[in-house]
Amino acid sequence: MVALRLNRQGTKDRPYYKIVAVDSRKRRDGRYIEQVGTYNPMIEGENFKIDLEKADEWIGKGAQPSATVASIIKKARKAVA
């Protein structure tokens, strides 16, 4: 099964994340299929960028978003509307 989840990047105490579509059996920072967006918890305000079209395409194909990715998608939809 494909999952939409966070892929950790950055250094110790300075994380940032890629939002990726990945086979759910792969490890957290392993190879991914496609990058959908980014998330930087170190900055205030709007700290994410996500391509909603790609995310919707993956969800339409059956991908399951993690709890954090689902909340980012929800915030992105609210910002667009």
C-alpha atoms as a PDB file:
ATOM      1  CA  MET A   1       0.000   0.000   0.000  1.00  0.00           C
ATOM      2  CA  VAL A   2       1.162   3.529  -0.740  1.00  0.00           C
ATOM      3  CA  ALA A   3       1.255   6.092   2.059  1.00  0.00           C
ATOM      4  CA  LEU A   4       1.644   9.859   2.116  1.00  0.00           C
ATOM      5  CA  ARG A   5       4.023  10.596   4.962  1.00  0.00           C
ATOM      6  CA  LEU A   6       6.920  12.746   6.131  1.00  0.00           C
ATOM      7  CA  ASN A   7      10.531  12.057   5.140  1.00  0.00           C
ATOM      8  CA  ARG A   8      12.934  13.682   7.626  1.00  0.00           C
ATOM      9  CA  GLN A   9      15.733  15.865   6.341  1.00  0.00           C
ATOM     10  CA  GLY A  10      18.001  18.428   7.998  1.00  0.00           C
ATOM     11  CA  THR A  11      20.386  18.135  10.896  1.00  0.00           C
ATOM     12  CA  LYS A  12      20.131  17.370  14.584  1.00  0.00           C
ATOM     13  CA  ASP A  13      17.701  19.800  16.253  1.00  0.00           C
ATOM     14  CA  ARG A  14      16.982  21.504  12.872  1.00  0.00           C
ATOM     15  CA  PRO A  15      14.518  19.203  11.081  1.00  0.00           C
ATOM     16  CA  TYR A  16      12.552  19.831   7.956  1.00  0.00           C
ATOM     17  CA  TYR A  17      10.452  17.317   6.109  1.00  0.00           C
ATOM     18  CA  LYS A  18       9.506  16.306   2.594  1.00  0.00           C
ATOM     19  CA  ILE A  19       5.936  15.138   2.122  1.00  0.00           C
ATOM     20  CA  VAL A  20       6.262  12.032  -0.028  1.00  0.00           C
ATOM     21  CA  ALA A  21       4.318   9.155  -1.541  1.00  0.00           C
ATOM     22  CA  VAL A  22       6.063   5.969  -0.456  1.00  0.00           C
ATOM     23  CA  ASP A  23       5.443   2.238  -0.192  1.00  0.00           C
ATOM     24  CA  SER A  24       4.290   1.781   3.402  1.00  0.00           C
ATOM     25  CA  ARG A  25       6.779  -1.067   3.940  1.00  0.00           C
ATOM     26  CA  LYS A  26       9.789   1.182   3.278  1.00  0.00           C
ATOM     27  CA  ARG A  27      11.696   2.801   6.113  1.00  0.00           C
ATOM     28  CA  ARG A  28      10.965   6.399   7.104  1.00  0.00           C
ATOM     29  CA  ASP A  29      13.838   8.004   5.199  1.00  0.00           C
ATOM     30  CA  GLY A  30      14.127   5.400   2.448  1.00  0.00           C
ATOM     31  CA  ARG A  31      13.434   5.747  -1.261  1.00  0.00           C
ATOM     32  CA  TYR A  32      10.143   7.325  -2.147  1.00  0.00           C
ATOM     33  CA  ILE A  33       7.990   7.336  -5.280  1.00  0.00           C
ATOM     34  CA  GLU A  34       7.229  11.049  -5.564  1.00  0.00           C
ATOM     35  CA  GLN A  35       7.635  14.230  -3.531  1.00  0.00           C
ATOM     36  CA  VAL A  36       4.333  16.025  -2.960  1.00  0.00           C
ATOM     37  CA  GLY A  37       5.435  18.934  -0.760  1.00  0.00           C
ATOM     38  CA  THR A  38       7.544  20.196   2.131  1.00  0.00           C
ATOM     39  CA  TYR A  39       7.016  20.999   5.816  1.00  0.00           C
ATOM     40  CA  ASN A  40       9.336  23.083   7.996  1.00  0.00           C
ATOM     41  CA  PRO A  41       8.316  23.099  11.675  1.00  0.00           C
ATOM     42  CA  MET A  42      11.120  25.544  12.544  1.00  0.00           C
ATOM     43  CA  ILE A  43       9.424  28.592  11.009  1.00  0.00           C
ATOM     44  CA  GLU A  44       6.306  30.415  12.198  1.00  0.00           C
ATOM     45  CA  GLY A  45       3.197  31.010  10.128  1.00  0.00           C
ATOM     46  CA  GLU A  46       2.614  29.030   6.957  1.00  0.00           C
ATOM     47  CA  ASN A  47       5.376  26.450   7.271  1.00  0.00           C
ATOM     48  CA  PHE A  48       4.308  24.048   4.528  1.00  0.00           C
ATOM     49  CA  LYS A  49       4.026  23.850   0.757  1.00  0.00           C
ATOM     50  CA  ILE A  50       1.982  21.087  -0.822  1.00  0.00           C
ATOM     51  CA  ASP A  51       0.785  20.314  -4.322  1.00  0.00           C
ATOM     52  CA  LEU A  52      -2.869  19.493  -3.660  1.00  0.00           C
ATOM     53  CA  GLU A  53      -3.367  18.108  -7.171  1.00  0.00           C
ATOM     54  CA  LYS A  54      -0.632  15.502  -6.660  1.00  0.00           C
ATOM     55  CA  ALA A  55      -1.890  14.695  -3.161  1.00  0.00           C
ATOM     56  CA  ASP A  56      -5.457  14.232  -4.439  1.00  0.00           C
ATOM     57  CA  GLU A  57      -4.161  12.069  -7.282  1.00  0.00           C
ATOM     58  CA  TRP A  58      -2.376   9.761  -4.822  1.00  0.00           C
ATOM     59  CA  ILE A  59      -5.344   9.645  -2.447  1.00  0.00           C
ATOM     60  CA  GLY A  60      -7.557   8.797  -5.430  1.00  0.00           C
ATOM     61  CA  LYS A  61      -5.241   5.876  -6.192  1.00  0.00           C
ATOM     62  CA  GLY A  62      -5.702   4.594  -2.625  1.00  0.00           C
ATOM     63  CA  ALA A  63      -2.778   6.180  -0.758  1.00  0.00           C
ATOM     64  CA  GLN A  64      -3.341   6.667   2.969  1.00  0.00           C
ATOM     65  CA  PRO A  65      -2.043   9.947   4.453  1.00  0.00           C
ATOM     66  CA  SER A  66      -0.463   9.902   7.905  1.00  0.00           C
ATOM     67  CA  ALA A  67      -2.154  11.952  10.635  1.00  0.00           C
ATOM     68  CA  THR A  68       0.298  14.842  10.230  1.00  0.00           C
ATOM     69  CA  VAL A  69       0.057  14.880   6.436  1.00  0.00           C
ATOM     70  CA  ALA A  70      -3.746  14.756   6.652  1.00  0.00           C
ATOM     71  CA  SER A  71      -3.748  17.830   8.897  1.00  0.00           C
ATOM     72  CA  ILE A  72      -1.381  19.671   6.512  1.00  0.00           C
ATOM     73  CA  ILE A  73      -3.686  18.853   3.585  1.00  0.00           C
ATOM     74  CA  LYS A  74      -6.658  20.104   5.602  1.00  0.00           C
ATOM     75  CA  LYS A  75      -4.854  23.400   6.393  1.00  0.00           C
ATOM     76  CA  ALA A  76      -3.853  23.806   2.730  1.00  0.00           C
ATOM     77  CA  ARG A  77      -7.450  23.333   1.575  1.00  0.00           C
ATOM     78  CA  LYS A  78      -8.635  25.932   4.105  1.00  0.00           C
ATOM     79  CA  ALA A  79      -5.967  28.406   2.921  1.00  0.00           C
ATOM     80  CA  VAL A  80      -7.013  27.987  -0.735  1.00  0.00           C
ATOM     81  CA  ALA A  81     -10.741  28.441  -0.028  1.00  0.00           C
END
